[in-house]
Amino acid sequence: MRPAPARPSAVDTVTPQPAVTAQPPRYLTNDEAAHYLRLSPRTLEKQRVLGGGPRFRKFGRRVMYAAADLDAWADQRSFEATSDPEYAEHHSADSRAR
């Protein structure tokens, strides 16, 4: 009886992955940013005028949002409970702005 041919192990066939390079910040249009945050585009438009929205950039007539700024803005609105003093302060500030 002949011995079975040796199969290459999974370790031998692993190809090295290319190094991950830092990507430049990705800029999103108003509609893309609204979709990213699951908000209405009109909400972002209002927040640009009234304040309280994410940081934005103007390139000529175009309004753009960096994904990192959208993430930072969303993280600032993270609360553990409605009884959290920060939540109450933020919520009352929002209702006064209306």
N, C-alpha and C. Protein backbone atom coordinates (compact mmCIF):
# COMPACT_ATOMS: atom_id res chain seq x y z
N MET A 1 0.85 -1.16 0.00
CA MET A 1 0.00 0.00 0.00
C MET A 1 0.90 1.24 0.00
N ARG A 2 0.54 2.20 -0.83
CA ARG A 2 1.33 3.42 -0.95
C ARG A 2 0.89 4.45 0.08
N PRO A 3 1.82 5.21 0.62
CA PRO A 3 1.42 6.26 1.57
C PRO A 3 0.70 7.38 0.82
N ALA A 4 -0.25 7.98 1.50
CA ALA A 4 -1.01 9.10 0.92
C ALA A 4 -0.08 10.29 0.71
N PRO A 5 -0.27 11.03 -0.38
CA PRO A 5 0.60 12.20 -0.59
C PRO A 5 0.37 13.23 0.52
N ALA A 6 1.42 13.89 0.88
CA ALA A 6 1.34 14.90 1.94
C ALA A 6 0.59 16.11 1.41
N ARG A 7 -0.35 16.58 2.19
CA ARG A 7 -1.11 17.78 1.83
C ARG A 7 -0.46 18.99 2.48
N PRO A 8 -0.40 20.10 1.77
CA PRO A 8 0.17 21.28 2.42
C PRO A 8 -0.75 21.73 3.55
N SER A 9 -0.17 22.14 4.64
CA SER A 9 -0.97 22.60 5.77
C SER A 9 -1.50 23.99 5.49
N ALA A 10 -2.53 24.39 6.21
CA ALA A 10 -3.13 25.71 6.03
C ALA A 10 -2.13 26.81 6.35
N VAL A 11 -1.21 26.54 7.24
CA VAL A 11 -0.21 27.54 7.62
C VAL A 11 0.72 27.82 6.46
N ASP A 12 1.05 26.79 5.68
CA ASP A 12 1.96 26.95 4.56
C ASP A 12 1.35 27.77 3.43
N THR A 13 0.01 27.76 3.28
CA THR A 13 -0.63 28.42 2.15
C THR A 13 -1.11 29.83 2.46
N VAL A 14 -0.91 30.32 3.67
CA VAL A 14 -1.37 31.66 4.03
C VAL A 14 -0.48 32.68 3.33
N THR A 15 -1.12 33.60 2.62
CA THR A 15 -0.35 34.66 1.96
C THR A 15 -0.35 35.89 2.85
N PRO A 16 0.75 36.58 2.89
CA PRO A 16 0.79 37.78 3.74
C PRO A 16 -0.15 38.85 3.21
N GLN A 17 -0.81 39.54 4.13
CA GLN A 17 -1.73 40.62 3.79
C GLN A 17 -0.95 41.92 3.62
N PRO A 18 -1.34 42.75 2.67
CA PRO A 18 -0.65 44.04 2.53
C PRO A 18 -0.88 44.90 3.77
N ALA A 19 0.10 45.71 4.06
CA ALA A 19 -0.01 46.59 5.22
C ALA A 19 -1.17 47.57 5.01
N VAL A 20 -1.93 47.81 6.06
CA VAL A 20 -3.05 48.74 5.99
C VAL A 20 -2.50 50.15 6.04
N THR A 21 -2.82 50.92 5.03
CA THR A 21 -2.36 52.31 5.01
C THR A 21 -3.50 53.20 5.48
N ALA A 22 -3.13 54.27 6.12
CA ALA A 22 -4.12 55.21 6.61
C ALA A 22 -4.82 55.88 5.43
N GLN A 23 -6.12 55.83 5.44
CA GLN A 23 -6.91 56.44 4.39
C GLN A 23 -7.13 57.92 4.73
N PRO A 24 -7.14 58.78 3.73
CA PRO A 24 -7.48 60.17 4.03
C PRO A 24 -8.93 60.23 4.51
N PRO A 25 -9.30 61.27 5.25
CA PRO A 25 -10.68 61.34 5.73
C PRO A 25 -11.65 61.29 4.57
N ARG A 26 -12.70 60.56 4.74
CA ARG A 26 -13.72 60.44 3.70
C ARG A 26 -14.77 61.51 3.94
N TYR A 27 -15.03 62.27 2.93
CA TYR A 27 -16.02 63.35 3.04
C TYR A 27 -17.33 62.90 2.41
N LEU A 28 -18.42 63.21 3.10
CA LEU A 28 -19.76 62.82 2.67
C LEU A 28 -20.58 64.05 2.35
N THR A 29 -21.44 63.94 1.36
CA THR A 29 -22.38 65.02 1.06
C THR A 29 -23.44 65.08 2.15
N ASN A 30 -24.29 66.09 2.11
CA ASN A 30 -25.36 66.22 3.09
C ASN A 30 -26.25 64.98 3.08
N ASP A 31 -26.65 64.53 1.90
CA ASP A 31 -27.52 63.35 1.81
C ASP A 31 -26.83 62.09 2.32
N GLU A 32 -25.54 61.93 1.97
CA GLU A 32 -24.79 60.76 2.43
C GLU A 32 -24.61 60.78 3.95
N ALA A 33 -24.32 61.97 4.49
CA ALA A 33 -24.15 62.11 5.94
C ALA A 33 -25.45 61.82 6.66
N ALA A 34 -26.55 62.30 6.12
CA ALA A 34 -27.86 62.04 6.73
C ALA A 34 -28.16 60.55 6.71
N HIS A 35 -27.86 59.89 5.61
CA HIS A 35 -28.07 58.44 5.52
C HIS A 35 -27.16 57.72 6.51
N TYR A 36 -25.92 58.15 6.63
CA TYR A 36 -24.95 57.57 7.55
C TYR A 36 -25.45 57.64 8.98
N LEU A 37 -26.04 58.78 9.36
CA LEU A 37 -26.55 58.98 10.72
C LEU A 37 -28.00 58.54 10.88
N ARG A 38 -28.62 58.16 9.76
CA ARG A 38 -30.04 57.79 9.74
C ARG A 38 -30.92 58.95 10.19
N LEU A 39 -30.60 60.12 9.66
CA LEU A 39 -31.37 61.33 9.90
C LEU A 39 -31.92 61.82 8.57
N SER A 40 -32.83 62.74 8.65
CA SER A 40 -33.33 63.41 7.45
C SER A 40 -32.28 64.40 6.97
N PRO A 41 -32.07 64.52 5.66
CA PRO A 41 -31.15 65.55 5.16
C PRO A 41 -31.55 66.94 5.64
N ARG A 42 -32.84 67.17 5.76
CA ARG A 42 -33.34 68.47 6.22
C ARG A 42 -32.90 68.75 7.66
N THR A 43 -32.81 67.72 8.49
CA THR A 43 -32.35 67.89 9.87
C THR A 43 -30.94 68.45 9.89
N LEU A 44 -30.05 67.90 9.07
CA LEU A 44 -28.68 68.41 9.01
C LEU A 44 -28.65 69.84 8.48
N GLU A 45 -29.50 70.14 7.50
CA GLU A 45 -29.56 71.50 6.96
C GLU A 45 -29.97 72.49 8.06
N LYS A 46 -30.97 72.13 8.84
CA LYS A 46 -31.43 73.00 9.93
C LYS A 46 -30.34 73.17 10.98
N GLN A 47 -29.65 72.08 11.31
CA GLN A 47 -28.61 72.15 12.33
C GLN A 47 -27.43 73.01 11.88
N ARG A 48 -27.17 73.07 10.59
CA ARG A 48 -26.10 73.96 10.10
C ARG A 48 -26.47 75.41 10.35
N VAL A 49 -27.74 75.74 10.25
CA VAL A 49 -28.20 77.12 10.45
C VAL A 49 -28.33 77.44 11.94
N LEU A 50 -28.98 76.56 12.67
CA LEU A 50 -29.28 76.82 14.08
C LEU A 50 -28.15 76.43 15.02
N GLY A 51 -27.25 75.55 14.59
CA GLY A 51 -26.18 75.06 15.44
C GLY A 51 -26.57 73.75 16.10
N GLY A 52 -25.60 73.11 16.71
CA GLY A 52 -25.85 71.86 17.42
C GLY A 52 -25.62 70.62 16.59
N GLY A 53 -25.33 70.78 15.32
CA GLY A 53 -25.10 69.64 14.45
C GLY A 53 -23.64 69.28 14.37
N PRO A 54 -23.32 68.27 13.57
CA PRO A 54 -21.92 67.88 13.41
C PRO A 54 -21.12 68.94 12.66
N ARG A 55 -19.81 68.94 12.85
CA ARG A 55 -18.93 69.86 12.12
C ARG A 55 -19.06 69.58 10.63
N PHE A 56 -19.00 70.63 9.85
CA PHE A 56 -19.08 70.47 8.39
C PHE A 56 -18.02 71.32 7.74
N ARG A 57 -17.80 71.08 6.48
CA ARG A 57 -16.81 71.83 5.71
C ARG A 57 -17.47 72.37 4.46
N LYS A 58 -16.97 73.50 4.00
CA LYS A 58 -17.48 74.09 2.75
C LYS A 58 -16.35 74.08 1.74
N PHE A 59 -16.60 73.47 0.60
CA PHE A 59 -15.67 73.48 -0.52
C PHE A 59 -16.41 74.20 -1.65
N GLY A 60 -16.17 75.49 -1.74
CA GLY A 60 -16.95 76.28 -2.69
C GLY A 60 -18.38 76.33 -2.20
N ARG A 61 -19.30 75.87 -3.02
CA ARG A 61 -20.72 75.84 -2.62
C ARG A 61 -21.12 74.52 -1.99
N ARG A 62 -20.21 73.58 -2.02
CA ARG A 62 -20.53 72.23 -1.56
C ARG A 62 -20.29 72.09 -0.06
N VAL A 63 -21.25 71.51 0.64
CA VAL A 63 -21.14 71.21 2.07
C VAL A 63 -20.75 69.75 2.19
N MET A 64 -19.70 69.48 2.97
CA MET A 64 -19.23 68.12 3.14
C MET A 64 -19.02 67.83 4.63
N TYR A 65 -19.16 66.58 4.98
CA TYR A 65 -18.95 66.11 6.36
C TYR A 65 -17.90 65.02 6.35
N ALA A 66 -16.94 65.09 7.27
CA ALA A 66 -15.97 64.02 7.45
C ALA A 66 -16.63 62.93 8.30
N ALA A 67 -16.44 61.68 7.92
CA ALA A 67 -17.03 60.57 8.66
C ALA A 67 -16.57 60.59 10.12
N ALA A 68 -15.32 60.96 10.37
CA ALA A 68 -14.82 61.01 11.75
C ALA A 68 -15.58 62.06 12.56
N ASP A 69 -15.94 63.19 11.95
CA ASP A 69 -16.70 64.23 12.65
C ASP A 69 -18.11 63.74 12.96
N LEU A 70 -18.70 62.99 12.05
CA LEU A 70 -20.04 62.45 12.29
C LEU A 70 -20.01 61.45 13.44
N ASP A 71 -18.97 60.61 13.47
CA ASP A 71 -18.83 59.64 14.56
C ASP A 71 -18.63 60.36 15.89
N ALA A 72 -17.79 61.40 15.90
CA ALA A 72 -17.53 62.15 17.14
C ALA A 72 -18.81 62.82 17.63
N TRP A 73 -19.56 63.40 16.72
CA TRP A 73 -20.82 64.07 17.08
C TRP A 73 -21.81 63.06 17.67
N ALA A 74 -21.90 61.90 17.05
CA ALA A 74 -22.80 60.86 17.54
C ALA A 74 -22.34 60.35 18.91
N ASP A 75 -21.04 60.20 19.10
CA ASP A 75 -20.52 59.73 20.39
C ASP A 75 -20.82 60.71 21.51
N GLN A 76 -20.88 62.00 21.22
CA GLN A 76 -21.19 63.00 22.24
C GLN A 76 -22.64 62.88 22.70
N ARG A 77 -23.44 62.19 21.96
CA ARG A 77 -24.85 62.01 22.30
C ARG A 77 -25.14 60.63 22.86
N SER A 78 -24.14 60.03 23.48
CA SER A 78 -24.27 58.70 24.05
C SER A 78 -24.53 58.83 25.55
N PHE A 79 -25.61 58.22 26.02
CA PHE A 79 -26.00 58.28 27.42
C PHE A 79 -26.32 56.88 27.91
N GLU A 80 -26.21 56.68 29.21
CA GLU A 80 -26.52 55.37 29.78
C GLU A 80 -27.97 55.26 30.21
N ALA A 81 -28.56 56.36 30.65
CA ALA A 81 -29.95 56.34 31.13
C ALA A 81 -30.53 57.75 31.02
N THR A 82 -31.85 57.81 30.97
CA THR A 82 -32.49 59.13 30.92
C THR A 82 -32.34 59.88 32.24
N SER A 83 -31.98 59.16 33.29
CA SER A 83 -31.76 59.82 34.58
C SER A 83 -30.34 60.37 34.70
N ASP A 84 -29.51 60.12 33.71
CA ASP A 84 -28.15 60.64 33.68
C ASP A 84 -28.21 62.16 33.67
N PRO A 85 -27.50 62.85 34.60
CA PRO A 85 -27.54 64.32 34.64
C PRO A 85 -27.13 64.96 33.32
N GLU A 86 -26.16 64.36 32.63
CA GLU A 86 -25.75 64.91 31.33
C GLU A 86 -26.89 64.82 30.32
N TYR A 87 -27.66 63.74 30.37
CA TYR A 87 -28.79 63.60 29.46
C TYR A 87 -29.83 64.68 29.74
N ALA A 88 -30.14 64.88 31.02
CA ALA A 88 -31.14 65.88 31.38
C ALA A 88 -30.68 67.27 30.95
N GLU A 89 -29.40 67.57 31.14
CA GLU A 89 -28.88 68.88 30.74
C GLU A 89 -28.95 69.05 29.22
N HIS A 90 -28.54 68.02 28.50
CA HIS A 90 -28.55 68.09 27.03
C HIS A 90 -29.98 68.16 26.51
N HIS A 91 -30.87 67.38 27.11
CA HIS A 91 -32.26 67.35 26.64
C HIS A 91 -32.96 68.67 26.91
N SER A 92 -32.71 69.27 28.06
CA SER A 92 -33.36 70.56 28.35
C SER A 92 -32.79 71.65 27.45
N ALA A 93 -31.53 71.59 27.09
CA ALA A 93 -30.92 72.57 26.17
C ALA A 93 -31.55 72.44 24.79
N ASP A 94 -31.85 71.22 24.36
CA ASP A 94 -32.48 71.01 23.06
C ASP A 94 -33.91 71.59 23.05
N SER A 95 -34.65 71.39 24.12
CA SER A 95 -36.03 71.86 24.14
C SER A 95 -36.09 73.39 24.21
N ARG A 96 -35.08 74.03 24.84
CA ARG A 96 -35.06 75.49 24.91
C ARG A 96 -34.73 76.10 23.54
N ALA A 97 -33.99 75.38 22.71
CA ALA A 97 -33.59 75.90 21.40
C ALA A 97 -34.75 75.89 20.42
N ARG A 98 -35.79 75.16 20.72
CA ARG A 98 -36.93 75.05 19.78
C ARG A 98 -37.81 76.23 19.82
